[in-house]
Amino acid sequence: MAVDNDTVRRIAFLARLKVEQDKLEETKEEFNKILAWVEELGEVNTDNVEPLVSVNNETLTLRQDEVTSGHISEEILANAPAKEYGYFVVPKVVE
């Protein structure tokens, strides 16, 4: 797939980028290099490669769930600058 000047202009418009007329050809060539590289990646044989989730092979140790009372709303609201009926009161931000 090759990118032409109209496609470069369209991509620049969608990305809200300003591409000067004298840089259009250079930008087109850069896009074409990137697309060639992506096409090259598509040709790589990954049949026997496990999917990579993270570069670190670490696992998180999970703790056991413990049931607690959960009745700490007074403690949570104690430092609130404004509260009403057990809820935080915040300034209105949306009309």
N, C-alpha and C. Protein backbone atom coordinates (compact mmCIF):
# COMPACT_ATOMS: atom_id res chain seq x y z
N MET A 1 0.85 -1.18 0.00
CA MET A 1 0.00 0.00 0.00
C MET A 1 0.88 1.23 0.00
N ALA A 2 0.64 2.12 -0.91
CA ALA A 2 1.42 3.35 -0.99
C ALA A 2 0.52 4.54 -0.67
N VAL A 3 1.10 5.51 -0.03
CA VAL A 3 0.39 6.73 0.35
C VAL A 3 0.68 7.81 -0.69
N ASP A 4 -0.36 8.51 -1.14
CA ASP A 4 -0.16 9.62 -2.06
C ASP A 4 -0.32 10.95 -1.30
N ASN A 5 -0.11 12.05 -2.00
CA ASN A 5 -0.17 13.37 -1.35
C ASN A 5 -1.54 13.67 -0.76
N ASP A 6 -2.60 13.26 -1.45
CA ASP A 6 -3.95 13.50 -0.92
C ASP A 6 -4.16 12.76 0.39
N THR A 7 -3.64 11.54 0.47
CA THR A 7 -3.77 10.76 1.71
C THR A 7 -2.98 11.41 2.84
N VAL A 8 -1.81 11.93 2.53
CA VAL A 8 -1.02 12.63 3.54
C VAL A 8 -1.78 13.84 4.06
N ARG A 9 -2.37 14.59 3.15
CA ARG A 9 -3.16 15.76 3.57
C ARG A 9 -4.34 15.34 4.46
N ARG A 10 -5.00 14.26 4.09
CA ARG A 10 -6.16 13.78 4.86
C ARG A 10 -5.72 13.31 6.25
N ILE A 11 -4.64 12.55 6.33
CA ILE A 11 -4.13 12.09 7.63
C ILE A 11 -3.73 13.28 8.48
N ALA A 12 -3.06 14.24 7.87
CA ALA A 12 -2.65 15.44 8.61
C ALA A 12 -3.87 16.19 9.13
N PHE A 13 -4.91 16.29 8.31
CA PHE A 13 -6.13 16.97 8.74
C PHE A 13 -6.77 16.24 9.92
N LEU A 14 -6.89 14.92 9.81
CA LEU A 14 -7.52 14.14 10.87
C LEU A 14 -6.71 14.18 12.17
N ALA A 15 -5.38 14.24 12.04
CA ALA A 15 -4.51 14.29 13.22
C ALA A 15 -4.28 15.73 13.69
N ARG A 16 -4.90 16.67 13.01
CA ARG A 16 -4.76 18.09 13.33
C ARG A 16 -3.28 18.52 13.29
N LEU A 17 -2.59 18.05 12.24
CA LEU A 17 -1.19 18.42 12.03
C LEU A 17 -1.10 19.36 10.84
N LYS A 18 -0.16 20.27 10.92
CA LYS A 18 0.05 21.18 9.80
C LYS A 18 1.28 20.69 9.05
N VAL A 19 1.07 20.26 7.81
CA VAL A 19 2.18 19.81 6.96
C VAL A 19 2.33 20.85 5.85
N GLU A 20 3.45 21.52 5.86
CA GLU A 20 3.72 22.54 4.84
C GLU A 20 3.84 21.89 3.47
N GLN A 21 3.51 22.63 2.44
CA GLN A 21 3.55 22.11 1.07
C GLN A 21 4.94 21.59 0.70
N ASP A 22 5.98 22.29 1.15
CA ASP A 22 7.34 21.85 0.80
C ASP A 22 7.77 20.61 1.58
N LYS A 23 7.04 20.24 2.62
CA LYS A 23 7.36 19.04 3.41
C LYS A 23 6.45 17.86 3.06
N LEU A 24 5.53 18.08 2.12
CA LEU A 24 4.55 17.06 1.78
C LEU A 24 5.20 15.80 1.21
N GLU A 25 6.14 15.98 0.31
CA GLU A 25 6.81 14.83 -0.31
C GLU A 25 7.61 14.04 0.73
N GLU A 26 8.31 14.75 1.59
CA GLU A 26 9.11 14.11 2.64
C GLU A 26 8.20 13.33 3.61
N THR A 27 7.08 13.92 3.95
CA THR A 27 6.13 13.26 4.85
C THR A 27 5.54 12.02 4.19
N LYS A 28 5.24 12.12 2.91
CA LYS A 28 4.70 10.98 2.17
C LYS A 28 5.69 9.82 2.18
N GLU A 29 6.96 10.12 1.98
CA GLU A 29 7.99 9.07 1.99
C GLU A 29 8.11 8.43 3.37
N GLU A 30 8.00 9.24 4.42
CA GLU A 30 8.06 8.70 5.79
C GLU A 30 6.88 7.76 6.04
N PHE A 31 5.68 8.17 5.62
CA PHE A 31 4.51 7.31 5.77
C PHE A 31 4.70 6.00 5.02
N ASN A 32 5.23 6.08 3.81
CA ASN A 32 5.44 4.87 3.02
C ASN A 32 6.47 3.95 3.66
N LYS A 33 7.51 4.51 4.28
CA LYS A 33 8.49 3.69 4.99
C LYS A 33 7.85 2.98 6.18
N ILE A 34 7.01 3.72 6.91
CA ILE A 34 6.34 3.14 8.07
C ILE A 34 5.41 2.02 7.63
N LEU A 35 4.63 2.24 6.58
CA LEU A 35 3.72 1.21 6.09
C LEU A 35 4.48 -0.01 5.57
N ALA A 36 5.61 0.20 4.93
CA ALA A 36 6.42 -0.93 4.47
C ALA A 36 6.91 -1.74 5.66
N TRP A 37 7.31 -1.06 6.72
CA TRP A 37 7.77 -1.75 7.92
C TRP A 37 6.64 -2.55 8.56
N VAL A 38 5.43 -1.98 8.61
CA VAL A 38 4.28 -2.68 9.17
C VAL A 38 3.94 -3.91 8.33
N GLU A 39 4.01 -3.78 7.01
CA GLU A 39 3.76 -4.93 6.14
C GLU A 39 4.81 -6.01 6.36
N GLU A 40 6.05 -5.59 6.60
CA GLU A 40 7.13 -6.54 6.88
C GLU A 40 6.85 -7.28 8.18
N LEU A 41 6.32 -6.59 9.17
CA LEU A 41 5.98 -7.24 10.43
C LEU A 41 4.90 -8.30 10.23
N GLY A 42 3.99 -8.06 9.31
CA GLY A 42 2.93 -9.02 9.04
C GLY A 42 3.44 -10.31 8.44
N GLU A 43 4.64 -10.31 7.88
CA GLU A 43 5.22 -11.50 7.27
C GLU A 43 5.99 -12.36 8.26
N VAL A 44 6.19 -11.87 9.47
CA VAL A 44 6.95 -12.61 10.47
C VAL A 44 6.15 -13.82 10.93
N ASN A 45 6.80 -14.98 10.98
CA ASN A 45 6.15 -16.20 11.42
C ASN A 45 6.10 -16.22 12.95
N THR A 46 4.90 -16.16 13.49
CA THR A 46 4.72 -16.16 14.95
C THR A 46 3.93 -17.38 15.41
N ASP A 47 3.96 -18.45 14.62
CA ASP A 47 3.18 -19.64 14.95
C ASP A 47 3.53 -20.23 16.31
N ASN A 48 4.81 -20.31 16.64
CA ASN A 48 5.24 -20.95 17.89
C ASN A 48 5.64 -19.94 18.95
N VAL A 49 5.13 -18.74 18.86
CA VAL A 49 5.48 -17.69 19.81
C VAL A 49 4.29 -17.44 20.72
N GLU A 50 4.54 -17.54 22.02
CA GLU A 50 3.48 -17.27 22.99
C GLU A 50 3.15 -15.78 22.98
N PRO A 51 1.88 -15.43 23.12
CA PRO A 51 1.53 -14.01 23.20
C PRO A 51 2.19 -13.36 24.41
N LEU A 52 2.68 -12.16 24.23
CA LEU A 52 3.37 -11.43 25.29
C LEU A 52 2.40 -10.47 25.94
N VAL A 53 2.24 -10.63 27.24
CA VAL A 53 1.36 -9.75 27.99
C VAL A 53 2.18 -8.65 28.65
N SER A 54 3.36 -9.01 29.11
CA SER A 54 4.22 -8.05 29.80
C SER A 54 5.67 -8.46 29.56
N VAL A 55 6.56 -7.49 29.56
CA VAL A 55 7.97 -7.81 29.39
C VAL A 55 8.55 -8.42 30.65
N ASN A 56 7.91 -8.17 31.78
CA ASN A 56 8.33 -8.78 33.04
C ASN A 56 7.51 -10.04 33.27
N ASN A 57 8.17 -11.07 33.71
CA ASN A 57 7.47 -12.32 33.98
C ASN A 57 7.09 -12.39 35.45
N GLU A 58 6.46 -11.36 35.95
CA GLU A 58 6.09 -11.29 37.35
C GLU A 58 4.61 -11.61 37.52
N THR A 59 4.30 -12.21 38.65
CA THR A 59 2.90 -12.43 38.98
C THR A 59 2.61 -11.73 40.29
N LEU A 60 1.40 -11.30 40.44
CA LEU A 60 1.00 -10.64 41.67
C LEU A 60 0.44 -11.68 42.63
N THR A 61 0.87 -11.58 43.87
CA THR A 61 0.30 -12.47 44.87
C THR A 61 -0.98 -11.83 45.39
N LEU A 62 -2.04 -12.58 45.35
CA LEU A 62 -3.33 -12.07 45.77
C LEU A 62 -3.56 -12.42 47.23
N ARG A 63 -4.20 -11.54 47.94
CA ARG A 63 -4.53 -11.81 49.34
C ARG A 63 -5.91 -12.44 49.40
N GLN A 64 -6.18 -13.11 50.48
CA GLN A 64 -7.50 -13.69 50.68
C GLN A 64 -8.50 -12.59 50.98
N ASP A 65 -9.69 -12.74 50.47
CA ASP A 65 -10.75 -11.79 50.79
C ASP A 65 -11.19 -12.00 52.23
N GLU A 66 -11.33 -10.91 52.95
CA GLU A 66 -11.80 -10.98 54.32
C GLU A 66 -13.00 -10.06 54.47
N VAL A 67 -14.01 -10.56 55.11
CA VAL A 67 -15.20 -9.76 55.35
C VAL A 67 -14.92 -8.85 56.53
N THR A 68 -15.16 -7.55 56.35
CA THR A 68 -15.01 -6.59 57.44
C THR A 68 -16.33 -5.86 57.62
N SER A 69 -16.40 -5.11 58.68
CA SER A 69 -17.67 -4.44 58.97
C SER A 69 -18.02 -3.41 57.90
N GLY A 70 -17.05 -2.67 57.42
CA GLY A 70 -17.30 -1.69 56.37
C GLY A 70 -18.05 -0.47 56.83
N HIS A 71 -18.31 -0.35 58.12
CA HIS A 71 -19.05 0.80 58.64
C HIS A 71 -18.07 1.88 59.08
N ILE A 72 -17.41 2.48 58.11
CA ILE A 72 -16.41 3.51 58.46
C ILE A 72 -16.73 4.83 57.78
N SER A 73 -17.98 5.02 57.40
CA SER A 73 -18.32 6.25 56.68
C SER A 73 -18.05 7.49 57.51
N GLU A 74 -18.25 7.41 58.84
CA GLU A 74 -17.96 8.58 59.68
C GLU A 74 -16.47 8.91 59.65
N GLU A 75 -15.63 7.87 59.67
CA GLU A 75 -14.18 8.11 59.61
C GLU A 75 -13.80 8.73 58.27
N ILE A 76 -14.39 8.24 57.21
CA ILE A 76 -14.06 8.75 55.88
C ILE A 76 -14.51 10.20 55.74
N LEU A 77 -15.70 10.51 56.22
CA LEU A 77 -16.24 11.86 56.07
C LEU A 77 -15.70 12.84 57.10
N ALA A 78 -14.94 12.36 58.08
CA ALA A 78 -14.46 13.22 59.17
C ALA A 78 -13.62 14.39 58.64
N ASN A 79 -12.84 14.17 57.61
CA ASN A 79 -11.95 15.22 57.09
C ASN A 79 -12.55 15.96 55.90
N ALA A 80 -13.77 15.63 55.53
CA ALA A 80 -14.39 16.29 54.37
C ALA A 80 -14.74 17.73 54.73
N PRO A 81 -14.44 18.67 53.84
CA PRO A 81 -14.78 20.07 54.13
C PRO A 81 -16.29 20.30 54.14
N ALA A 82 -17.03 19.51 53.36
CA ALA A 82 -18.49 19.65 53.35
C ALA A 82 -19.12 18.28 53.14
N LYS A 83 -20.14 17.99 53.92
CA LYS A 83 -20.83 16.71 53.80
C LYS A 83 -22.31 16.92 54.11
N GLU A 84 -23.12 16.04 53.54
CA GLU A 84 -24.56 16.15 53.75
C GLU A 84 -25.19 14.78 53.57
N TYR A 85 -25.96 14.34 54.53
CA TYR A 85 -26.66 13.05 54.49
C TYR A 85 -25.70 11.88 54.21
N GLY A 86 -24.49 11.95 54.74
CA GLY A 86 -23.53 10.87 54.57
C GLY A 86 -22.80 10.86 53.24
N TYR A 87 -22.85 11.97 52.50
CA TYR A 87 -22.18 12.08 51.20
C TYR A 87 -21.27 13.30 51.19
N PHE A 88 -20.24 13.25 50.34
CA PHE A 88 -19.38 14.41 50.13
C PHE A 88 -20.18 15.47 49.37
N VAL A 89 -20.00 16.71 49.71
CA VAL A 89 -20.60 17.82 48.96
C VAL A 89 -19.46 18.52 48.24
N VAL A 90 -19.60 18.62 46.92
CA VAL A 90 -18.55 19.24 46.10
C VAL A 90 -19.17 20.38 45.29
N PRO A 91 -18.33 21.31 44.84
CA PRO A 91 -18.86 22.41 44.02
C PRO A 91 -19.44 21.88 42.71
N LYS A 92 -20.47 22.53 42.24
CA LYS A 92 -21.09 22.16 40.97
C LYS A 92 -20.13 22.49 39.83
N VAL A 93 -19.88 21.50 38.96
CA VAL A 93 -18.95 21.72 37.86
C VAL A 93 -19.63 21.65 36.50
N VAL A 94 -20.85 21.13 36.44
CA VAL A 94 -21.58 21.02 35.19
C VAL A 94 -22.92 21.72 35.34
N GLU A 95 -23.23 22.58 34.41
CA GLU A 95 -24.52 23.28 34.44
C GLU A 95 -25.59 22.43 33.81
